[in-house]
Amino acid sequence: MGKKEKMKTTEAFDLTMKTQYVIFKSIFFLVEPFRSTNKIILMHKTNRKWPWINYV
């Protein structure tokens, strides 16, 4: 295996890792606001019955 071939494979590997990271980040950014709002709504609903749920 020559040096040039090795460089190509590492570059391709870096590229796949970067794309995976970007996809993961975008999914995270899309999902996170919904999760936090759901949490707030849940807290608001359960707060009257169990105030300690806020500290869990």
N, C-alpha and C. Protein backbone atom coordinates (compact mmCIF):
# COMPACT_ATOMS: atom_id res chain seq x y z
N MET A 1 0.84 -1.20 0.00
CA MET A 1 0.00 0.00 0.00
C MET A 1 0.88 1.26 0.00
N GLY A 2 0.68 2.10 -1.00
CA GLY A 2 1.49 3.31 -1.10
C GLY A 2 1.00 4.39 -0.15
N LYS A 3 1.80 5.43 -0.01
CA LYS A 3 1.43 6.54 0.87
C LYS A 3 0.20 7.28 0.33
N LYS A 4 0.14 7.45 -1.00
CA LYS A 4 -0.98 8.17 -1.59
C LYS A 4 -2.30 7.46 -1.30
N GLU A 5 -2.30 6.13 -1.44
CA GLU A 5 -3.52 5.36 -1.19
C GLU A 5 -3.96 5.50 0.27
N LYS A 6 -2.98 5.43 1.17
CA LYS A 6 -3.29 5.54 2.59
C LYS A 6 -3.91 6.92 2.89
N MET A 7 -3.36 7.97 2.29
CA MET A 7 -3.90 9.31 2.48
C MET A 7 -5.36 9.37 2.00
N LYS A 8 -5.62 8.74 0.87
CA LYS A 8 -6.99 8.75 0.33
C LYS A 8 -7.96 8.08 1.29
N THR A 9 -7.57 6.95 1.84
CA THR A 9 -8.48 6.23 2.74
C THR A 9 -8.72 7.03 4.02
N THR A 10 -7.68 7.65 4.57
CA THR A 10 -7.86 8.44 5.79
C THR A 10 -8.75 9.65 5.50
N GLU A 11 -8.58 10.26 4.33
CA GLU A 11 -9.42 11.39 3.96
C GLU A 11 -10.87 10.97 3.85
N ALA A 12 -11.10 9.82 3.22
CA ALA A 12 -12.46 9.31 3.07
C ALA A 12 -13.05 9.01 4.45
N PHE A 13 -12.25 8.43 5.32
CA PHE A 13 -12.71 8.12 6.68
C PHE A 13 -13.08 9.39 7.43
N ASP A 14 -12.21 10.41 7.33
CA ASP A 14 -12.49 11.70 7.96
C ASP A 14 -13.80 12.28 7.43
N LEU A 15 -13.99 12.17 6.13
CA LEU A 15 -15.19 12.72 5.50
C LEU A 15 -16.44 12.03 6.03
N THR A 16 -16.41 10.70 6.13
CA THR A 16 -17.58 9.98 6.63
C THR A 16 -17.84 10.34 8.08
N MET A 17 -16.77 10.45 8.87
CA MET A 17 -16.93 10.83 10.27
C MET A 17 -17.55 12.23 10.38
N LYS A 18 -17.07 13.15 9.55
CA LYS A 18 -17.59 14.52 9.59
C LYS A 18 -19.06 14.56 9.18
N THR A 19 -19.41 13.83 8.12
CA THR A 19 -20.81 13.84 7.67
C THR A 19 -21.70 13.22 8.74
N GLN A 20 -21.25 12.13 9.34
CA GLN A 20 -22.02 11.50 10.42
C GLN A 20 -22.22 12.49 11.57
N TYR A 21 -21.16 13.21 11.92
CA TYR A 21 -21.21 14.19 13.00
C TYR A 21 -22.20 15.30 12.67
N VAL A 22 -22.14 15.78 11.42
CA VAL A 22 -23.04 16.86 11.00
C VAL A 22 -24.48 16.39 11.03
N ILE A 23 -24.73 15.18 10.54
CA ILE A 23 -26.09 14.62 10.54
C ILE A 23 -26.57 14.49 11.98
N PHE A 24 -25.72 13.94 12.85
CA PHE A 24 -26.08 13.77 14.25
C PHE A 24 -26.41 15.12 14.89
N LYS A 25 -25.57 16.13 14.60
CA LYS A 25 -25.78 17.45 15.17
C LYS A 25 -27.10 18.06 14.71
N SER A 26 -27.38 17.94 13.40
CA SER A 26 -28.61 18.53 12.87
C SER A 26 -29.83 17.84 13.47
N ILE A 27 -29.78 16.52 13.61
CA ILE A 27 -30.89 15.78 14.22
C ILE A 27 -31.05 16.24 15.67
N PHE A 28 -29.92 16.36 16.37
CA PHE A 28 -29.95 16.79 17.77
C PHE A 28 -30.59 18.17 17.90
N PHE A 29 -30.18 19.10 17.01
CA PHE A 29 -30.72 20.46 17.07
C PHE A 29 -32.20 20.50 16.73
N LEU A 30 -32.63 19.58 15.85
CA LEU A 30 -34.05 19.53 15.48
C LEU A 30 -34.88 18.95 16.62
N VAL A 31 -34.34 17.93 17.28
CA VAL A 31 -35.12 17.20 18.30
C VAL A 31 -35.09 17.92 19.65
N GLU A 32 -33.97 18.52 19.99
CA GLU A 32 -33.77 19.09 21.33
C GLU A 32 -34.84 20.09 21.75
N PRO A 33 -35.22 21.07 20.90
CA PRO A 33 -36.27 22.02 21.33
C PRO A 33 -37.58 21.33 21.67
N PHE A 34 -37.95 20.32 20.87
CA PHE A 34 -39.20 19.60 21.14
C PHE A 34 -39.11 18.88 22.48
N ARG A 35 -37.96 18.27 22.74
CA ARG A 35 -37.78 17.56 24.01
C ARG A 35 -37.89 18.52 25.19
N SER A 36 -37.24 19.65 25.10
CA SER A 36 -37.25 20.61 26.22
C SER A 36 -38.66 21.17 26.43
N THR A 37 -39.38 21.47 25.34
CA THR A 37 -40.73 22.00 25.50
C THR A 37 -41.64 20.94 26.11
N ASN A 38 -41.47 19.69 25.68
CA ASN A 38 -42.26 18.61 26.27
C ASN A 38 -41.99 18.49 27.75
N LYS A 39 -40.72 18.62 28.12
CA LYS A 39 -40.34 18.55 29.52
C LYS A 39 -41.02 19.66 30.32
N ILE A 40 -41.01 20.87 29.76
CA ILE A 40 -41.62 22.02 30.44
C ILE A 40 -43.13 21.80 30.59
N ILE A 41 -43.75 21.32 29.51
CA ILE A 41 -45.20 21.06 29.56
C ILE A 41 -45.49 19.99 30.61
N LEU A 42 -44.69 18.94 30.63
CA LEU A 42 -44.87 17.87 31.60
C LEU A 42 -44.73 18.41 33.02
N MET A 43 -43.69 19.21 33.24
CA MET A 43 -43.48 19.81 34.56
C MET A 43 -44.69 20.65 34.96
N HIS A 44 -45.15 21.43 34.02
CA HIS A 44 -46.28 22.32 34.30
C HIS A 44 -47.53 21.52 34.67
N LYS A 45 -47.75 20.41 33.96
CA LYS A 45 -48.94 19.60 34.24
C LYS A 45 -48.83 18.88 35.58
N THR A 46 -47.65 18.34 35.86
CA THR A 46 -47.48 17.52 37.07
C THR A 46 -47.14 18.36 38.29
N ASN A 47 -46.80 19.61 38.07
CA ASN A 47 -46.33 20.46 39.17
C ASN A 47 -47.38 20.61 40.27
N ARG A 48 -48.63 20.70 39.90
CA ARG A 48 -49.68 20.91 40.91
C ARG A 48 -49.84 19.69 41.81
N LYS A 49 -49.70 18.50 41.20
CA LYS A 49 -49.85 17.27 42.00
C LYS A 49 -48.59 16.96 42.80
N TRP A 50 -47.43 16.97 42.08
CA TRP A 50 -46.17 16.63 42.75
C TRP A 50 -45.14 17.73 42.52
N PRO A 51 -44.97 18.64 43.46
CA PRO A 51 -43.99 19.72 43.29
C PRO A 51 -42.55 19.22 43.23
N TRP A 52 -42.26 18.05 43.81
CA TRP A 52 -40.88 17.56 43.86
C TRP A 52 -40.39 17.10 42.49
N ILE A 53 -41.29 16.96 41.50
CA ILE A 53 -40.88 16.48 40.17
C ILE A 53 -39.87 17.45 39.54
N ASN A 54 -39.93 18.73 39.94
CA ASN A 54 -38.99 19.72 39.40
C ASN A 54 -37.54 19.42 39.79
N TYR A 55 -37.34 18.82 40.93
CA TYR A 55 -35.99 18.61 41.43
C TYR A 55 -35.40 17.28 41.00
N VAL A 56 -36.18 16.47 40.31
CA VAL A 56 -35.68 15.16 39.86
C VAL A 56 -34.87 15.34 38.59
